[in-house]
Amino acid sequence: MVDSGMTLDYGKMVIDDEINQTIKYVVKGFEVNDETLSVGLIEEIAHTGNHLSHSTTFHHCSDLMAPQLMSRENYDQWMAKGGIDVYERALGKARDVVENHQPPSIGRQAQKEIDEIIRETEKELGIINAF
């Protein structure tokens, strides 16, 4: 089965999605200037203050990539929370999507067109729709 592409791993798909989001974030690039580098803040606070508690630091945190699966905790923190590896977290996310995802409505006209395409294809292939 593996050789013919007949297998599917939802956990790996979720991990691949996060990797792709990371690549997309990096390829998009990010602005580098005095504002984003907080040059003024560094000059203002220098080595005597706390840069992390400043409002501009918090503002720029939203610019950072925030992975959903990868853990940024150290080993002891990770183990204290159960030591769940990335694959198990990915499987949990996949289960949640399969069980709870509600796709947005495509609209009545689009649904009618899709239904018509299905009916035409079934007719061409000689498939009898039992529903």
C-alpha atoms as a PDB file:
ATOM      1  CA  MET A   1       0.000   0.000   0.000  1.00  0.00           C
ATOM      2  CA  VAL A   2       2.756   2.478   0.848  1.00  0.00           C
ATOM      3  CA  ASP A   3       4.308   2.186  -2.596  1.00  0.00           C
ATOM      4  CA  SER A   4       1.041   2.955  -4.342  1.00  0.00           C
ATOM      5  CA  GLY A   5       0.188   6.060  -2.302  1.00  0.00           C
ATOM      6  CA  MET A   6      -2.792   4.424  -0.636  1.00  0.00           C
ATOM      7  CA  THR A   7      -1.920   5.585   2.876  1.00  0.00           C
ATOM      8  CA  LEU A   8      -2.784   8.785   4.661  1.00  0.00           C
ATOM      9  CA  ASP A   9      -1.436  10.099   7.941  1.00  0.00           C
ATOM     10  CA  TYR A  10      -3.531  12.934   9.361  1.00  0.00           C
ATOM     11  CA  GLY A  11      -0.914  13.701  11.997  1.00  0.00           C
ATOM     12  CA  LYS A  12       1.774  14.144   9.350  1.00  0.00           C
ATOM     13  CA  MET A  13      -0.574  16.327   7.296  1.00  0.00           C
ATOM     14  CA  VAL A  14      -1.044  18.664  10.278  1.00  0.00           C
ATOM     15  CA  ILE A  15       2.724  18.786  10.913  1.00  0.00           C
ATOM     16  CA  ASP A  16       3.341  19.464   7.206  1.00  0.00           C
ATOM     17  CA  ASP A  17       0.784  22.278   7.365  1.00  0.00           C
ATOM     18  CA  GLU A  18       2.654  23.931  10.239  1.00  0.00           C
ATOM     19  CA  ILE A  19       5.965  23.561   8.411  1.00  0.00           C
ATOM     20  CA  ASN A  20       4.396  25.109   5.298  1.00  0.00           C
ATOM     21  CA  GLN A  21       3.032  28.011   7.367  1.00  0.00           C
ATOM     22  CA  THR A  22       6.537  28.572   8.758  1.00  0.00           C
ATOM     23  CA  ILE A  23       8.039  28.581   5.263  1.00  0.00           C
ATOM     24  CA  LYS A  24       5.333  30.976   4.082  1.00  0.00           C
ATOM     25  CA  TYR A  25       6.100  33.309   7.008  1.00  0.00           C
ATOM     26  CA  VAL A  26       9.840  33.313   6.283  1.00  0.00           C
ATOM     27  CA  VAL A  27       9.494  33.672   2.496  1.00  0.00           C
ATOM     28  CA  LYS A  28       7.073  36.575   2.937  1.00  0.00           C
ATOM     29  CA  GLY A  29       9.893  38.421   4.635  1.00  0.00           C
ATOM     30  CA  PHE A  30       9.687  41.016   7.338  1.00  0.00           C
ATOM     31  CA  GLU A  31      10.410  44.671   7.602  1.00  0.00           C
ATOM     32  CA  VAL A  32      13.727  45.700   9.093  1.00  0.00           C
ATOM     33  CA  ASN A  33      14.047  49.335  10.125  1.00  0.00           C
ATOM     34  CA  ASP A  34      14.699  51.472  13.205  1.00  0.00           C
ATOM     35  CA  GLU A  35      11.105  50.895  14.383  1.00  0.00           C
ATOM     36  CA  THR A  36      11.103  47.111  14.058  1.00  0.00           C
ATOM     37  CA  LEU A  37      14.591  46.880  15.546  1.00  0.00           C
ATOM     38  CA  SER A  38      13.476  49.132  18.442  1.00  0.00           C
ATOM     39  CA  VAL A  39      16.541  51.325  18.025  1.00  0.00           C
ATOM     40  CA  GLY A  40      14.884  54.186  19.916  1.00  0.00           C
ATOM     41  CA  LEU A  41      13.936  51.896  22.780  1.00  0.00           C
ATOM     42  CA  ILE A  42      17.449  50.505  23.002  1.00  0.00           C
ATOM     43  CA  GLU A  43      18.857  54.034  23.121  1.00  0.00           C
ATOM     44  CA  GLU A  44      16.234  55.076  25.717  1.00  0.00           C
ATOM     45  CA  ILE A  45      16.535  52.123  28.075  1.00  0.00           C
ATOM     46  CA  ALA A  46      20.054  50.964  27.208  1.00  0.00           C
ATOM     47  CA  HIS A  47      21.452  48.316  29.540  1.00  0.00           C
ATOM     48  CA  THR A  48      19.798  49.674  32.694  1.00  0.00           C
ATOM     49  CA  GLY A  49      16.149  48.889  32.018  1.00  0.00           C
ATOM     50  CA  ASN A  50      13.718  46.142  31.134  1.00  0.00           C
ATOM     51  CA  HIS A  51      13.009  45.916  27.414  1.00  0.00           C
ATOM     52  CA  LEU A  52      10.543  43.040  27.775  1.00  0.00           C
ATOM     53  CA  SER A  53       7.975  45.013  29.776  1.00  0.00           C
ATOM     54  CA  HIS A  54       7.943  47.965  27.366  1.00  0.00           C
ATOM     55  CA  SER A  55       4.775  48.397  25.257  1.00  0.00           C
ATOM     56  CA  THR A  56       6.641  48.395  21.926  1.00  0.00           C
ATOM     57  CA  THR A  57       8.130  44.997  22.707  1.00  0.00           C
ATOM     58  CA  PHE A  58       4.632  43.619  23.258  1.00  0.00           C
ATOM     59  CA  HIS A  59       3.434  45.322  20.061  1.00  0.00           C
ATOM     60  CA  HIS A  60       6.168  43.660  17.989  1.00  0.00           C
ATOM     61  CA  CYS A  61       5.520  40.218  19.518  1.00  0.00           C
ATOM     62  CA  SER A  62       2.498  39.932  17.242  1.00  0.00           C
ATOM     63  CA  ASP A  63       4.923  40.031  14.310  1.00  0.00           C
ATOM     64  CA  LEU A  64       6.522  36.778  15.445  1.00  0.00           C
ATOM     65  CA  MET A  65       5.561  33.403  14.133  1.00  0.00           C
ATOM     66  CA  ALA A  66       3.653  31.410  16.748  1.00  0.00           C
ATOM     67  CA  PRO A  67       3.729  27.682  16.027  1.00  0.00           C
ATOM     68  CA  GLN A  68       0.771  25.689  17.323  1.00  0.00           C
ATOM     69  CA  LEU A  69       2.464  22.288  17.518  1.00  0.00           C
ATOM     70  CA  MET A  70       6.118  22.909  18.180  1.00  0.00           C
ATOM     71  CA  SER A  71       6.981  23.452  21.827  1.00  0.00           C
ATOM     72  CA  ARG A  72       9.250  26.297  22.845  1.00  0.00           C
ATOM     73  CA  GLU A  73       9.426  25.113  26.444  1.00  0.00           C
ATOM     74  CA  ASN A  74      12.537  23.615  27.951  1.00  0.00           C
ATOM     75  CA  TYR A  75      12.621  19.886  28.560  1.00  0.00           C
ATOM     76  CA  ASP A  76      11.598  20.034  32.234  1.00  0.00           C
ATOM     77  CA  GLN A  77       8.596  22.286  31.506  1.00  0.00           C
ATOM     78  CA  TRP A  78       7.573  20.052  28.619  1.00  0.00           C
ATOM     79  CA  MET A  79       7.785  16.926  30.764  1.00  0.00           C
ATOM     80  CA  ALA A  80       5.857  18.599  33.607  1.00  0.00           C
ATOM     81  CA  LYS A  81       2.993  19.154  31.148  1.00  0.00           C
ATOM     82  CA  GLY A  82       2.939  15.485  30.165  1.00  0.00           C
ATOM     83  CA  GLY A  83       5.740  15.336  27.591  1.00  0.00           C
ATOM     84  CA  ILE A  84       3.325  15.051  24.667  1.00  0.00           C
ATOM     85  CA  ASP A  85       5.354  14.960  21.483  1.00  0.00           C
ATOM     86  CA  VAL A  86       4.621  16.937  18.351  1.00  0.00           C
ATOM     87  CA  TYR A  87       3.082  13.964  16.549  1.00  0.00           C
ATOM     88  CA  GLU A  88       0.571  13.313  19.340  1.00  0.00           C
ATOM     89  CA  ARG A  89      -0.364  17.019  19.396  1.00  0.00           C
ATOM     90  CA  ALA A  90      -0.791  16.893  15.619  1.00  0.00           C
ATOM     91  CA  LEU A  91      -3.057  13.850  15.861  1.00  0.00           C
ATOM     92  CA  GLY A  92      -5.125  15.657  18.503  1.00  0.00           C
ATOM     93  CA  LYS A  93      -5.502  18.665  16.235  1.00  0.00           C
ATOM     94  CA  ALA A  94      -6.426  16.415  13.295  1.00  0.00           C
ATOM     95  CA  ARG A  95      -9.081  14.650  15.395  1.00  0.00           C
ATOM     96  CA  ASP A  96     -10.484  18.014  16.439  1.00  0.00           C
ATOM     97  CA  VAL A  97     -10.698  19.194  12.828  1.00  0.00           C
ATOM     98  CA  VAL A  98     -12.350  15.966  11.653  1.00  0.00           C
ATOM     99  CA  GLU A  99     -14.873  16.014  14.522  1.00  0.00           C
ATOM    100  CA  ASN A 100     -15.660  19.736  14.743  1.00  0.00           C
ATOM    101  CA  HIS A 101     -14.850  21.607  11.532  1.00  0.00           C
ATOM    102  CA  GLN A 102     -17.840  23.296   9.944  1.00  0.00           C
ATOM    103  CA  PRO A 103     -16.988  24.484   6.439  1.00  0.00           C
ATOM    104  CA  PRO A 104     -18.515  27.795   5.392  1.00  0.00           C
ATOM    105  CA  SER A 105     -21.599  27.660   3.201  1.00  0.00           C
ATOM    106  CA  ILE A 106     -20.856  27.946  -0.509  1.00  0.00           C
ATOM    107  CA  GLY A 107     -24.211  29.437  -1.376  1.00  0.00           C
ATOM    108  CA  ARG A 108     -27.270  27.974  -3.059  1.00  0.00           C
ATOM    109  CA  GLN A 109     -26.326  28.803  -6.641  1.00  0.00           C
ATOM    110  CA  ALA A 110     -22.865  27.274  -6.307  1.00  0.00           C
ATOM    111  CA  GLN A 111     -24.376  24.162  -4.699  1.00  0.00           C
ATOM    112  CA  LYS A 112     -26.879  23.842  -7.569  1.00  0.00           C
ATOM    113  CA  GLU A 113     -24.059  24.053 -10.112  1.00  0.00           C
ATOM    114  CA  ILE A 114     -22.023  21.421  -8.250  1.00  0.00           C
ATOM    115  CA  ASP A 115     -25.063  19.129  -8.009  1.00  0.00           C
ATOM    116  CA  GLU A 116     -25.636  19.509 -11.750  1.00  0.00           C
ATOM    117  CA  ILE A 117     -22.012  18.617 -12.525  1.00  0.00           C
ATOM    118  CA  ILE A 118     -22.332  15.543 -10.320  1.00  0.00           C
ATOM    119  CA  ARG A 119     -25.588  14.484 -12.016  1.00  0.00           C
ATOM    120  CA  GLU A 120     -24.046  14.912 -15.489  1.00  0.00           C
ATOM    121  CA  THR A 121     -20.935  12.964 -14.511  1.00  0.00           C
ATOM    122  CA  GLU A 122     -22.992  10.168 -12.944  1.00  0.00           C
ATOM    123  CA  LYS A 123     -25.102   9.986 -16.120  1.00  0.00           C
ATOM    124  CA  GLU A 124     -21.976   9.818 -18.327  1.00  0.00           C
ATOM    125  CA  LEU A 125     -20.485   7.084 -16.161  1.00  0.00           C
ATOM    126  CA  GLY A 126     -23.732   5.144 -15.828  1.00  0.00           C
ATOM    127  CA  ILE A 127     -23.841   5.575 -12.064  1.00  0.00           C
ATOM    128  CA  ILE A 128     -27.269   5.347 -10.499  1.00  0.00           C
ATOM    129  CA  ASN A 129     -27.753   7.742  -7.600  1.00  0.00           C
ATOM    130  CA  ALA A 130     -29.642   5.875  -4.873  1.00  0.00           C
ATOM    131  CA  PHE A 131     -30.321   9.033  -2.893  1.00  0.00           C
END
